[in-house]
Amino acid sequence: MIRALRNIARRFAADTRGTVIVETVLVLPLLIWMVLAIVVFVDAFRMQTQNIRATYTIGDALSRQLNAVAPSYLEGMQRLYSYQIRRSYPTGLRITVAYYDAEEDEHVRVWSCSTGIADDPMTQTDIDAIKDEIPQLADGDTIALIDSWMDYTPPFDMAIGAIEARLEEMRFENRIFVSPRFTGQLKLTDAGSGNC
């Protein structure tokens, strides 16, 4: 009896039929999960890159502006920004203009407007809080701070049992600083209208 069981165990151990299918069944879900994870993370980095490029484009357009801008013009910048993202994610912009007062050693807020999902317009307290981020300016020089926001939702929500790679909804935020190129300061008309 023991000899018969030994022979059955040896034949079973030597039999290699069906091993490819078993390996495929074990490995294929993990491979699919890894491919989807790569797609999600690449998409997130691509969207962040598009977000920062769109922010620089808005900053460049505002730095070349010769005439005063109205809140409706800034709403147009918001639409341009959303168009450059090429996705229907919620977006927002906040444009703030400040100048440097060397005597007081502070950046003084001139005006600030926000559009879309952006936070409220910047206050003087907000500018004081980011003083170390603002580039060095000469006395009286102005600078425009362009803040952008985009709420990103990944294309897949992936989870396999205990293995999870979640990239949940997140908000991409960028801040750039631009100096006016052709005028001393970017001016605003109708400062009381809109979210200014």
C-alpha atoms as a PDB file:
ATOM      1  CA  MET A   1       0.000   0.000   0.000  1.00  0.00           C
ATOM      2  CA  ILE A   2       2.750   2.472   0.909  1.00  0.00           C
ATOM      3  CA  ARG A   3       4.620   1.551  -2.255  1.00  0.00           C
ATOM      4  CA  ALA A   4       1.512   2.310  -4.362  1.00  0.00           C
ATOM      5  CA  LEU A   5       1.083   5.703  -2.700  1.00  0.00           C
ATOM      6  CA  ARG A   6       4.769   6.455  -3.313  1.00  0.00           C
ATOM      7  CA  ASN A   7       4.422   5.608  -6.994  1.00  0.00           C
ATOM      8  CA  ILE A   8       1.340   7.834  -7.318  1.00  0.00           C
ATOM      9  CA  ALA A   9       3.182  10.720  -5.584  1.00  0.00           C
ATOM     10  CA  ARG A  10       6.227  10.281  -7.905  1.00  0.00           C
ATOM     11  CA  ARG A  11       4.075  10.248 -11.042  1.00  0.00           C
ATOM     12  CA  PHE A  12       2.205  13.346  -9.812  1.00  0.00           C
ATOM     13  CA  ALA A  13       5.476  15.217  -9.086  1.00  0.00           C
ATOM     14  CA  ALA A  14       6.943  14.293 -12.496  1.00  0.00           C
ATOM     15  CA  ASP A  15       3.828  15.324 -14.438  1.00  0.00           C
ATOM     16  CA  THR A  16       4.309  18.858 -15.864  1.00  0.00           C
ATOM     17  CA  ARG A  17       1.123  19.111 -17.939  1.00  0.00           C
ATOM     18  CA  GLY A  18      -0.964  22.227 -17.134  1.00  0.00           C
ATOM     19  CA  THR A  19       1.770  24.202 -15.342  1.00  0.00           C
ATOM     20  CA  VAL A  20       1.646  27.020 -17.893  1.00  0.00           C
ATOM     21  CA  ILE A  21      -2.053  27.536 -17.311  1.00  0.00           C
ATOM     22  CA  VAL A  22      -1.610  27.541 -13.535  1.00  0.00           C
ATOM     23  CA  GLU A  23       1.252  30.062 -13.772  1.00  0.00           C
ATOM     24  CA  THR A  24      -0.805  32.232 -16.117  1.00  0.00           C
ATOM     25  CA  VAL A  25      -3.807  32.188 -13.806  1.00  0.00           C
ATOM     26  CA  LEU A  26      -1.579  33.207 -10.894  1.00  0.00           C
ATOM     27  CA  VAL A  27       0.457  35.910 -12.663  1.00  0.00           C
ATOM     28  CA  LEU A  28      -1.962  37.461 -15.192  1.00  0.00           C
ATOM     29  CA  PRO A  29      -4.076  39.445 -12.669  1.00  0.00           C
ATOM     30  CA  LEU A  30      -0.918  40.942 -11.194  1.00  0.00           C
ATOM     31  CA  LEU A  31       0.378  41.882 -14.649  1.00  0.00           C
ATOM     32  CA  ILE A  32      -2.922  43.521 -15.582  1.00  0.00           C
ATOM     33  CA  TRP A  33      -2.935  45.419 -12.282  1.00  0.00           C
ATOM     34  CA  MET A  34       0.654  46.612 -12.876  1.00  0.00           C
ATOM     35  CA  VAL A  35      -0.181  47.840 -16.399  1.00  0.00           C
ATOM     36  CA  LEU A  36      -3.211  49.744 -15.108  1.00  0.00           C
ATOM     37  CA  ALA A  37      -1.118  51.223 -12.275  1.00  0.00           C
ATOM     38  CA  ILE A  38       1.449  52.439 -14.807  1.00  0.00           C
ATOM     39  CA  VAL A  39      -1.324  53.976 -16.934  1.00  0.00           C
ATOM     40  CA  VAL A  40      -2.759  55.818 -13.913  1.00  0.00           C
ATOM     41  CA  PHE A  41       0.568  57.171 -12.686  1.00  0.00           C
ATOM     42  CA  VAL A  42       1.710  58.218 -16.175  1.00  0.00           C
ATOM     43  CA  ASP A  43      -1.627  59.963 -16.720  1.00  0.00           C
ATOM     44  CA  ALA A  44      -1.261  61.821 -13.408  1.00  0.00           C
ATOM     45  CA  PHE A  45       2.231  63.042 -14.285  1.00  0.00           C
ATOM     46  CA  ARG A  46       1.079  64.006 -17.790  1.00  0.00           C
ATOM     47  CA  MET A  47      -1.819  66.029 -16.393  1.00  0.00           C
ATOM     48  CA  GLN A  48       0.455  67.775 -13.886  1.00  0.00           C
ATOM     49  CA  THR A  49       2.804  68.654 -16.768  1.00  0.00           C
ATOM     50  CA  GLN A  50      -0.082  70.027 -18.836  1.00  0.00           C
ATOM     51  CA  ASN A  51      -1.245  71.968 -15.785  1.00  0.00           C
ATOM     52  CA  ILE A  52       2.106  73.696 -15.247  1.00  0.00           C
ATOM     53  CA  ARG A  53       2.518  74.398 -18.981  1.00  0.00           C
ATOM     54  CA  ALA A  54      -0.936  75.986 -19.111  1.00  0.00           C
ATOM     55  CA  THR A  55      -0.051  78.089 -16.058  1.00  0.00           C
ATOM     56  CA  TYR A  56       3.122  79.352 -17.745  1.00  0.00           C
ATOM     57  CA  THR A  57       1.153  80.164 -20.899  1.00  0.00           C
ATOM     58  CA  ILE A  58      -1.330  82.246 -18.894  1.00  0.00           C
ATOM     59  CA  GLY A  59       1.561  83.980 -17.104  1.00  0.00           C
ATOM     60  CA  ASP A  60       3.273  84.740 -20.404  1.00  0.00           C
ATOM     61  CA  ALA A  61       0.078  86.167 -21.913  1.00  0.00           C
ATOM     62  CA  LEU A  62      -0.512  88.371 -18.871  1.00  0.00           C
ATOM     63  CA  SER A  63       3.105  89.580 -18.823  1.00  0.00           C
ATOM     64  CA  ARG A  64       2.694  90.876 -22.400  1.00  0.00           C
ATOM     65  CA  GLN A  65      -0.581  92.692 -21.679  1.00  0.00           C
ATOM     66  CA  LEU A  66      -0.336  96.423 -22.455  1.00  0.00           C
ATOM     67  CA  ASN A  67      -3.825  97.541 -21.439  1.00  0.00           C
ATOM     68  CA  ALA A  68      -5.625  97.158 -18.151  1.00  0.00           C
ATOM     69  CA  VAL A  69      -7.494  93.889 -17.792  1.00  0.00           C
ATOM     70  CA  ALA A  70     -11.091  93.457 -16.664  1.00  0.00           C
ATOM     71  CA  PRO A  71     -12.526  90.556 -14.666  1.00  0.00           C
ATOM     72  CA  SER A  72     -14.142  89.339 -17.899  1.00  0.00           C
ATOM     73  CA  TYR A  73     -10.655  89.156 -19.465  1.00  0.00           C
ATOM     74  CA  LEU A  74      -9.505  87.028 -16.526  1.00  0.00           C
ATOM     75  CA  GLU A  75     -12.535  84.765 -17.041  1.00  0.00           C
ATOM     76  CA  GLY A  76     -11.309  84.382 -20.628  1.00  0.00           C
ATOM     77  CA  MET A  77      -7.890  83.406 -19.270  1.00  0.00           C
ATOM     78  CA  GLN A  78      -9.680  80.800 -17.156  1.00  0.00           C
ATOM     79  CA  ARG A  79     -11.355  79.360 -20.263  1.00  0.00           C
ATOM     80  CA  LEU A  80      -8.013  79.357 -22.111  1.00  0.00           C
ATOM     81  CA  TYR A  81      -6.403  77.569 -19.188  1.00  0.00           C
ATOM     82  CA  SER A  82      -9.170  74.932 -19.141  1.00  0.00           C
ATOM     83  CA  TYR A  83      -8.865  74.505 -22.912  1.00  0.00           C
ATOM     84  CA  GLN A  84      -5.122  73.880 -22.633  1.00  0.00           C
ATOM     85  CA  ILE A  85      -5.696  71.136 -20.065  1.00  0.00           C
ATOM     86  CA  ARG A  86      -7.748  69.263 -22.716  1.00  0.00           C
ATOM     87  CA  ARG A  87      -9.853  67.495 -20.122  1.00  0.00           C
ATOM     88  CA  SER A  88     -13.011  68.457 -18.298  1.00  0.00           C
ATOM     89  CA  TYR A  89     -11.444  68.594 -14.848  1.00  0.00           C
ATOM     90  CA  PRO A  90     -12.489  71.505 -12.611  1.00  0.00           C
ATOM     91  CA  THR A  91      -9.855  74.267 -12.794  1.00  0.00           C
ATOM     92  CA  GLY A  92      -9.224  77.653 -11.263  1.00  0.00           C
ATOM     93  CA  LEU A  93      -6.882  80.635 -11.528  1.00  0.00           C
ATOM     94  CA  ARG A  94      -5.910  83.388  -9.137  1.00  0.00           C
ATOM     95  CA  ILE A  95      -3.972  86.369 -10.438  1.00  0.00           C
ATOM     96  CA  THR A  96      -2.416  88.741  -7.921  1.00  0.00           C
ATOM     97  CA  VAL A  97      -0.338  91.838  -8.626  1.00  0.00           C
ATOM     98  CA  ALA A  98       2.024  93.230  -5.990  1.00  0.00           C
ATOM     99  CA  TYR A  99       4.936  95.651  -5.876  1.00  0.00           C
ATOM    100  CA  TYR A 100       7.996  95.765  -3.649  1.00  0.00           C
ATOM    101  CA  ASP A 101       8.402  98.600  -1.143  1.00  0.00           C
ATOM    102  CA  ALA A 102      12.082  98.626  -0.175  1.00  0.00           C
ATOM    103  CA  GLU A 103      11.608 101.173   2.618  1.00  0.00           C
ATOM    104  CA  GLU A 104       9.133  98.902   4.420  1.00  0.00           C
ATOM    105  CA  ASP A 105      10.792  95.724   3.053  1.00  0.00           C
ATOM    106  CA  GLU A 106       7.462  94.233   2.020  1.00  0.00           C
ATOM    107  CA  HIS A 107       5.495  93.240  -1.048  1.00  0.00           C
ATOM    108  CA  VAL A 108       2.319  95.303  -1.239  1.00  0.00           C
ATOM    109  CA  ARG A 109      -0.816  93.836  -2.819  1.00  0.00           C
ATOM    110  CA  VAL A 110      -2.237  95.974  -5.622  1.00  0.00           C
ATOM    111  CA  TRP A 111      -5.101  93.710  -6.723  1.00  0.00           C
ATOM    112  CA  SER A 112      -6.107  90.069  -6.813  1.00  0.00           C
ATOM    113  CA  CYS A 113      -8.837  88.152  -8.680  1.00  0.00           C
ATOM    114  CA  SER A 114      -9.800  84.490  -8.701  1.00  0.00           C
ATOM    115  CA  THR A 115     -11.819  82.370 -11.121  1.00  0.00           C
ATOM    116  CA  GLY A 116     -13.174  78.837 -11.239  1.00  0.00           C
ATOM    117  CA  ILE A 117     -12.385  76.614  -8.247  1.00  0.00           C
ATOM    118  CA  ALA A 118      -9.596  78.929  -7.081  1.00  0.00           C
ATOM    119  CA  ASP A 119      -9.326  80.070  -3.501  1.00  0.00           C
ATOM    120  CA  ASP A 120     -10.454  83.568  -2.619  1.00  0.00           C
ATOM    121  CA  PRO A 121      -8.389  86.494  -3.917  1.00  0.00           C
ATOM    122  CA  MET A 122      -5.103  86.987  -2.057  1.00  0.00           C
ATOM    123  CA  THR A 123      -5.015  89.381   0.841  1.00  0.00           C
ATOM    124  CA  GLN A 124      -2.026  91.314   2.125  1.00  0.00           C
ATOM    125  CA  THR A 125      -1.702  88.724   4.895  1.00  0.00           C
ATOM    126  CA  ASP A 126      -1.461  85.949   2.270  1.00  0.00           C
ATOM    127  CA  ILE A 127       1.301  87.827   0.459  1.00  0.00           C
ATOM    128  CA  ASP A 128       3.189  88.375   3.712  1.00  0.00           C
ATOM    129  CA  ALA A 129       2.980  84.622   4.373  1.00  0.00           C
ATOM    130  CA  ILE A 130       4.698  83.750   1.071  1.00  0.00           C
ATOM    131  CA  LYS A 131       7.296  86.539   1.223  1.00  0.00           C
ATOM    132  CA  ASP A 132      10.190  84.065   1.017  1.00  0.00           C
ATOM    133  CA  GLU A 133       8.795  82.516  -2.189  1.00  0.00           C
ATOM    134  CA  ILE A 134       8.597  85.801  -4.095  1.00  0.00           C
ATOM    135  CA  PRO A 135      11.695  86.563  -6.185  1.00  0.00           C
ATOM    136  CA  GLN A 136      13.941  89.503  -5.255  1.00  0.00           C
ATOM    137  CA  LEU A 137      12.628  92.756  -6.710  1.00  0.00           C
ATOM    138  CA  ALA A 138      13.999  96.269  -6.947  1.00  0.00           C
ATOM    139  CA  ASP A 139      12.172  99.070  -5.139  1.00  0.00           C
ATOM    140  CA  GLY A 140       8.853  99.772  -6.892  1.00  0.00           C
ATOM    141  CA  ASP A 141       9.032  96.765  -9.245  1.00  0.00           C
ATOM    142  CA  THR A 142       5.797  94.850  -9.714  1.00  0.00           C
ATOM    143  CA  ILE A 143       5.192  91.166 -10.107  1.00  0.00           C
ATOM    144  CA  ALA A 144       2.182  89.051 -11.004  1.00  0.00           C
ATOM    145  CA  LEU A 145       1.586  85.870  -9.020  1.00  0.00           C
ATOM    146  CA  ILE A 146      -0.377  83.296 -10.990  1.00  0.00           C
ATOM    147  CA  ASP A 147      -1.817  80.433  -8.955  1.00  0.00           C
ATOM    148  CA  SER A 148      -3.555  77.562 -10.731  1.00  0.00           C
ATOM    149  CA  TRP A 149      -5.614  74.642  -9.474  1.00  0.00           C
ATOM    150  CA  MET A 150      -6.896  71.510 -11.145  1.00  0.00           C
ATOM    151  CA  ASP A 151      -8.898  68.738  -9.464  1.00  0.00           C
ATOM    152  CA  TYR A 152      -7.566  65.520 -10.977  1.00  0.00           C
ATOM    153  CA  THR A 153      -9.464  62.221 -10.905  1.00  0.00           C
ATOM    154  CA  PRO A 154      -7.528  59.120 -12.034  1.00  0.00           C
ATOM    155  CA  PRO A 155      -9.006  57.064 -14.892  1.00  0.00           C
ATOM    156  CA  PHE A 156      -9.043  53.824 -12.839  1.00  0.00           C
ATOM    157  CA  ASP A 157      -9.483  52.960  -9.181  1.00  0.00           C
ATOM    158  CA  MET A 158      -7.392  49.835  -8.717  1.00  0.00           C
ATOM    159  CA  ALA A 159      -7.420  47.323  -5.902  1.00  0.00           C
ATOM    160  CA  ILE A 160      -6.703  43.591  -5.866  1.00  0.00           C
ATOM    161  CA  GLY A 161      -7.517  42.099  -2.507  1.00  0.00           C
ATOM    162  CA  ALA A 162      -5.001  43.349   0.009  1.00  0.00           C
ATOM    163  CA  ILE A 163      -2.828  45.002  -2.685  1.00  0.00           C
ATOM    164  CA  GLU A 164      -3.934  48.546  -3.301  1.00  0.00           C
ATOM    165  CA  ALA A 165      -2.400  51.296  -5.377  1.00  0.00           C
ATOM    166  CA  ARG A 166      -4.781  54.181  -4.946  1.00  0.00           C
ATOM    167  CA  LEU A 167      -4.278  57.497  -6.585  1.00  0.00           C
ATOM    168  CA  GLU A 168      -7.366  59.219  -5.312  1.00  0.00           C
ATOM    169  CA  GLU A 169      -8.759  62.517  -6.464  1.00  0.00           C
ATOM    170  CA  MET A 170      -6.171  65.171  -5.852  1.00  0.00           C
ATOM    171  CA  ARG A 171      -5.704  68.860  -6.470  1.00  0.00           C
ATOM    172  CA  PHE A 172      -2.738  69.984  -8.528  1.00  0.00           C
ATOM    173  CA  GLU A 173      -1.587  73.440  -7.441  1.00  0.00           C
ATOM    174  CA  ASN A 174       1.018  75.614  -9.121  1.00  0.00           C
ATOM    175  CA  ARG A 175       2.353  79.089  -8.474  1.00  0.00           C
ATOM    176  CA  ILE A 176       4.475  81.097 -10.855  1.00  0.00           C
ATOM    177  CA  PHE A 177       5.752  84.664 -10.795  1.00  0.00           C
ATOM    178  CA  VAL A 178       5.997  86.894 -13.871  1.00  0.00           C
ATOM    179  CA  SER A 179       7.054  90.484 -14.336  1.00  0.00           C
ATOM    180  CA  PRO A 180       5.257  92.721 -16.821  1.00  0.00           C
ATOM    181  CA  ARG A 181       7.342  92.971 -19.986  1.00  0.00           C
ATOM    182  CA  PHE A 182       6.126  96.141 -21.655  1.00  0.00           C
ATOM    183  CA  THR A 183       4.470  98.132 -18.868  1.00  0.00           C
ATOM    184  CA  GLY A 184       5.332  98.979 -15.297  1.00  0.00           C
ATOM    185  CA  GLN A 185       2.332  97.160 -13.847  1.00  0.00           C
ATOM    186  CA  LEU A 186      -0.544  94.938 -14.937  1.00  0.00           C
ATOM    187  CA  LYS A 187      -3.598  97.053 -14.164  1.00  0.00           C
ATOM    188  CA  LEU A 188      -7.176  95.998 -13.441  1.00  0.00           C
ATOM    189  CA  THR A 189     -10.397  97.792 -14.429  1.00  0.00           C
ATOM    190  CA  ASP A 190     -13.677  97.250 -12.586  1.00  0.00           C
ATOM    191  CA  ALA A 191     -11.897  95.983  -9.474  1.00  0.00           C
ATOM    192  CA  GLY A 192     -15.162  95.691  -7.554  1.00  0.00           C
ATOM    193  CA  SER A 193     -16.826  93.280  -9.968  1.00  0.00           C
ATOM    194  CA  GLY A 194     -16.384  89.524 -10.231  1.00  0.00           C
ATOM    195  CA  ASN A 195     -14.311  87.760  -7.574  1.00  0.00           C
ATOM    196  CA  CYS A 196     -11.777  90.577  -7.137  1.00  0.00           C
END
